[in-house]
C-alpha cells in the first residue's frame, strides 16, 4: 500500500505541471477575431523587424513549437502558425525570442544547445543500462556488480533530468525578457490581455521543466520495479 501511495504522489508531481501547461495553452487558444494576425504572421513580422538574417519559418507537429539554431528555423505547430489566438501569438513571440538570443549570441542562448543533447543522451543511456540489468544479473550473478549497474543507470537518468533544469534560464529569458516586452510595448496585444499572455509565456518557459519532472518519475518507477 505505501508503494501505491508513493506511485500516485510521484505521478501527480510529474504530470500536473504538464497538465497545467496543456490547460493554459488550450484556454487561451480560442480564436480571436480582434487580433491583428496569426501566430505565423506575427513570427514573420518579428523576424523582419529584428532583422534576423537567414532565419526561416516553418510549420511542425502539434505541441512541438521550437527554434532550431542549427538551421536557424522557427517552427510553429499548425494551430499556432495559422491560429489567431493569444496562445498562438505568445508562442510565436517566445520562439522568435529564442532566435533573437542566438542572433545576438547572448550567453543564455548556449544553454539549450550545450545541455539538451547531453540530457537526452544521459536519459537514454540510463534507461538502456537498467533495461539490460536483468540479463547482466543472469550472466554475472554477483549482487554487488548488479547493484553497481542499477546505481549507474539511475544516476545517469538523474543527471539527464537535472540537465533539463539547467535550460530554464534560457526559456525564461525568451518569454519574459524578449516576448513579453515585444508584445506589450509594441501594441500587439491590449492591456487587458497581458495577464493571459503572461500565463501562456510562463507555460512555454516551463515546458522543459515539466519534461524533467517526467524523467524523475521514470527514475522513481525504476526504483520501485527494482525493489520488488
Protein backbone atom coordinates (compact mmCIF):
# COMPACT_ATOMS: atom_id res chain seq x y z
CA UNK A 1 0.00 0.00 0.00
CA UNK A 2 2.74 2.58 0.79
CA UNK A 3 4.27 1.90 -2.63
CA UNK A 4 0.90 2.54 -4.31
CA UNK A 5 0.52 5.86 -2.49
CA UNK A 6 4.11 6.82 -3.37
CA UNK A 7 3.47 5.94 -7.02
CA UNK A 8 0.38 8.15 -7.10
CA UNK A 9 2.26 11.04 -5.50
CA UNK A 10 5.13 10.73 -7.97
CA UNK A 11 2.71 10.60 -10.88
CA UNK A 12 0.89 13.69 -9.63
CA UNK A 13 4.13 15.62 -9.16
CA UNK A 14 5.36 14.64 -12.61
CA UNK A 15 2.21 15.10 -14.68
CA UNK A 16 0.41 18.01 -13.01
CA UNK A 17 2.81 20.60 -14.50
CA UNK A 18 2.35 19.11 -17.98
CA UNK A 19 -1.41 19.07 -17.49
CA UNK A 20 -1.33 22.66 -16.28
CA UNK A 21 0.64 23.72 -19.37
CA UNK A 22 -1.85 21.97 -21.68
CA UNK A 23 -4.83 23.58 -19.95
CA UNK A 24 -3.32 27.07 -20.17
CA UNK A 25 -2.50 26.65 -23.86
CA UNK A 26 -5.99 25.35 -24.60
CA UNK A 27 -7.74 28.02 -22.51
CA UNK A 28 -6.11 30.88 -24.41
CA UNK A 29 -6.08 29.09 -27.77
CA UNK A 30 -9.56 30.24 -28.74
CA UNK A 31 -9.95 32.19 -31.97
CA UNK A 32 -9.87 35.96 -31.50
CA UNK A 33 -11.11 37.97 -34.46
CA UNK A 34 -9.90 41.21 -32.85
CA UNK A 35 -6.23 40.18 -33.02
CA UNK A 36 -4.33 41.71 -35.95
CA UNK A 37 -2.90 38.44 -37.26
CA UNK A 38 -1.99 34.79 -36.79
CA UNK A 39 0.98 33.39 -34.92
CA UNK A 40 2.75 32.71 -38.20
CA UNK A 41 2.15 36.25 -39.45
CA UNK A 42 3.48 37.70 -36.19
CA UNK A 43 6.57 35.48 -36.30
CA UNK A 44 7.28 36.53 -39.90
CA UNK A 45 6.81 40.19 -38.96
CA UNK A 46 9.13 39.93 -35.94
CA UNK A 47 11.83 38.15 -37.95
CA UNK A 48 11.82 41.09 -40.36
CA UNK A 49 11.51 43.70 -37.62
CA UNK A 50 14.55 42.45 -35.73
CA UNK A 51 16.48 41.79 -38.94
CA UNK A 52 17.15 38.14 -38.12
CA UNK A 53 19.23 37.27 -41.16
CA UNK A 54 18.66 33.82 -42.65
CA UNK A 55 16.03 32.89 -40.03
CA UNK A 56 13.22 30.95 -41.71
CA UNK A 57 9.73 29.96 -40.59
CA UNK A 58 8.09 26.53 -40.89
CA UNK A 59 5.19 24.51 -39.52
CA UNK A 60 5.76 21.44 -37.36
CA UNK A 61 3.86 18.80 -35.41
CA UNK A 62 1.35 19.73 -32.73
CA UNK A 63 2.93 20.76 -29.40
CA UNK A 64 6.40 20.75 -30.97
CA UNK A 65 6.91 24.51 -31.33
CA UNK A 66 10.62 25.34 -31.13
CA UNK A 67 13.53 27.26 -32.57
CA UNK A 68 16.20 25.16 -34.26
CA UNK A 69 19.54 27.01 -34.02
CA UNK A 70 21.30 24.51 -36.29
CA UNK A 71 19.12 25.53 -39.25
CA UNK A 72 18.08 28.96 -37.90
CA UNK A 73 14.43 27.98 -38.20
CA UNK A 74 11.41 28.99 -36.13
CA UNK A 75 8.93 26.09 -36.18
CA UNK A 76 5.33 26.54 -35.09
CA UNK A 77 2.60 23.92 -34.86
CA UNK A 78 -0.24 24.25 -37.36
CA UNK A 79 -2.62 25.55 -34.69
CA UNK A 80 -0.20 28.28 -33.64
CA UNK A 81 1.02 29.07 -37.16
CA UNK A 82 -2.49 29.53 -38.55
CA UNK A 83 -4.25 30.36 -35.29
CA UNK A 84 -5.47 33.80 -34.33
CA UNK A 85 -5.33 33.40 -30.57
CA UNK A 86 -3.38 34.63 -27.56
CA UNK A 87 -1.66 31.25 -27.33
CA UNK A 88 -0.61 31.44 -30.98
CA UNK A 89 0.92 34.90 -30.78
CA UNK A 90 2.55 34.31 -27.38
CA UNK A 91 4.17 31.06 -28.51
CA UNK A 92 5.27 32.68 -31.79
CA UNK A 93 6.87 35.57 -29.89
CA UNK A 94 8.54 33.11 -27.49
CA UNK A 95 10.15 31.12 -30.31
CA UNK A 96 11.27 34.27 -32.11
CA UNK A 97 12.70 35.30 -28.74
CA UNK A 98 14.99 32.28 -28.98
CA UNK A 99 16.01 33.35 -32.49
CA UNK A 100 16.90 36.80 -31.11
CA UNK A 101 19.02 35.20 -28.36
CA UNK A 102 21.05 33.26 -30.91
CA UNK A 103 21.30 36.14 -33.38
CA UNK A 104 22.75 38.35 -30.64
CA UNK A 105 24.94 35.48 -29.42
CA UNK A 106 23.76 36.01 -25.86
CA UNK A 107 25.38 33.71 -23.27
CA UNK A 108 21.98 32.33 -22.27
CA UNK A 109 21.46 31.00 -25.81
CA UNK A 110 24.15 28.37 -25.33
CA UNK A 111 22.33 26.54 -22.53
CA UNK A 112 19.97 24.51 -24.71
CA UNK A 113 22.48 23.63 -27.43
CA UNK A 114 25.03 22.68 -24.78
CA UNK A 115 22.90 20.67 -22.37
CA UNK A 116 19.82 19.36 -24.23
CA UNK A 117 21.70 16.76 -26.31
CA UNK A 118 23.53 15.72 -23.14
CA UNK A 119 20.24 15.35 -21.25
CA UNK A 120 18.81 13.16 -23.99
CA UNK A 121 21.93 11.01 -24.19
CA UNK A 122 22.16 10.51 -20.42
CA UNK A 123 18.48 9.59 -20.18
CA UNK A 124 18.74 7.03 -22.98
CA UNK A 125 21.94 5.56 -21.56
CA UNK A 126 20.35 5.20 -18.12
CA UNK A 127 17.23 3.51 -19.49
CA UNK A 128 19.34 1.14 -21.61
CA UNK A 129 21.53 0.17 -18.67
CA UNK A 130 18.52 -0.56 -16.45
CA UNK A 131 16.82 -2.50 -19.24
CA UNK A 132 19.76 -4.89 -19.64
CA UNK A 133 20.32 -5.26 -15.88
CA UNK A 134 18.26 -8.49 -15.65
CA UNK A 135 20.41 -10.04 -18.38
CA UNK A 136 23.56 -8.87 -16.60
CA UNK A 137 22.24 -10.42 -13.39
CA UNK A 138 21.88 -13.80 -15.10
CA UNK A 139 25.41 -13.62 -16.53
CA UNK A 140 27.32 -12.07 -13.62
CA UNK A 141 25.44 -13.50 -10.61
CA UNK A 142 27.21 -11.01 -8.34
CA UNK A 143 24.85 -8.83 -6.23
CA UNK A 144 27.45 -6.08 -5.80
CA UNK A 145 28.01 -5.79 -9.55
CA UNK A 146 24.27 -5.79 -10.23
CA UNK A 147 23.69 -3.01 -7.69
CA UNK A 148 26.50 -1.03 -9.30
CA UNK A 149 24.82 -1.27 -12.72
CA UNK A 150 21.49 -0.24 -11.20
CA UNK A 151 23.08 2.69 -9.37
CA UNK A 152 24.84 3.92 -12.51
CA UNK A 153 21.64 3.62 -14.56
CA UNK A 154 19.60 5.62 -12.07
CA UNK A 155 22.36 8.21 -11.66
CA UNK A 156 22.54 8.73 -15.44
CA UNK A 157 18.79 9.35 -15.58
CA UNK A 158 19.00 11.78 -12.69
CA UNK A 159 21.79 13.71 -14.43
CA UNK A 160 19.65 13.82 -17.58
CA UNK A 161 16.73 15.29 -15.63
CA UNK A 162 18.97 17.89 -13.99
CA UNK A 163 20.33 18.89 -17.41
CA UNK A 164 16.77 19.80 -18.45
CA UNK A 165 16.50 22.10 -15.43
CA UNK A 166 19.68 23.95 -16.46
CA UNK A 167 17.85 25.10 -19.61
CA UNK A 168 15.20 27.04 -17.63
CA UNK A 169 17.02 30.44 -17.68
CA UNK A 170 17.11 30.36 -21.50
CA UNK A 171 13.38 29.64 -21.66
CA UNK A 172 12.53 32.31 -19.09
CA UNK A 173 14.60 34.87 -20.98
CA UNK A 174 12.79 34.07 -24.24
CA UNK A 175 9.42 34.52 -22.54
CA UNK A 176 9.88 37.48 -20.22
CA UNK A 177 12.92 39.40 -21.49
CA UNK A 178 12.07 39.00 -25.17
CA UNK A 179 8.46 38.01 -25.96
CA UNK A 180 6.61 39.89 -23.19
CA UNK A 181 8.27 43.30 -23.75
CA UNK A 182 7.85 42.89 -27.52
CA UNK A 183 4.14 42.12 -27.25
CA UNK A 184 3.21 44.64 -24.54
CA UNK A 185 5.35 47.57 -25.67
CA UNK A 186 4.67 47.09 -29.37
CA UNK A 187 0.88 47.32 -29.10
CA UNK A 188 0.43 43.79 -30.40
CA UNK A 189 -1.92 42.99 -27.52
CA UNK A 190 -4.29 45.03 -25.38
CA UNK A 191 -3.52 45.78 -21.75
CA UNK A 192 -6.43 43.56 -20.74
CA UNK A 193 -4.78 40.57 -22.47
CA UNK A 194 -1.42 40.93 -20.69
CA UNK A 195 -2.24 38.55 -17.78
CA UNK A 196 -3.39 35.83 -20.19
CA UNK A 197 -0.30 36.22 -22.37
CA UNK A 198 1.91 36.08 -19.28
CA UNK A 199 0.27 32.76 -18.35
CA UNK A 200 0.96 31.34 -21.81
CA UNK A 201 4.57 32.55 -21.79
CA UNK A 202 5.09 31.04 -18.34
CA UNK A 203 3.71 27.73 -19.63
CA UNK A 204 6.05 27.90 -22.63
CA UNK A 205 9.03 28.57 -20.36
CA UNK A 206 8.23 25.62 -18.11
CA UNK A 207 7.92 23.03 -20.89
CA UNK A 208 11.40 21.59 -20.29
CA UNK A 209 10.83 21.73 -16.53
CA UNK A 210 7.76 19.52 -16.99
CA UNK A 211 9.87 17.14 -19.08
CA UNK A 212 12.45 16.98 -16.28
CA UNK A 213 9.75 16.06 -13.76
CA UNK A 214 8.53 13.29 -16.06
CA UNK A 215 12.09 11.95 -16.17
CA UNK A 216 12.25 12.00 -12.37
CA UNK A 217 9.03 9.99 -12.29
CA UNK A 218 10.68 7.46 -14.59
CA UNK A 219 13.56 7.20 -12.11
CA UNK A 220 11.10 6.59 -9.28
CA UNK A 221 9.34 3.93 -11.35
CA UNK A 222 12.61 2.10 -11.94
CA UNK A 223 13.45 2.20 -8.24
CA UNK A 224 10.10 0.65 -7.33
CA UNK A 225 10.45 -2.03 -10.01
CA UNK A 226 13.93 -2.97 -8.83
CA UNK A 227 12.85 -3.15 -5.18
CA UNK A 228 10.44 -5.99 -5.96
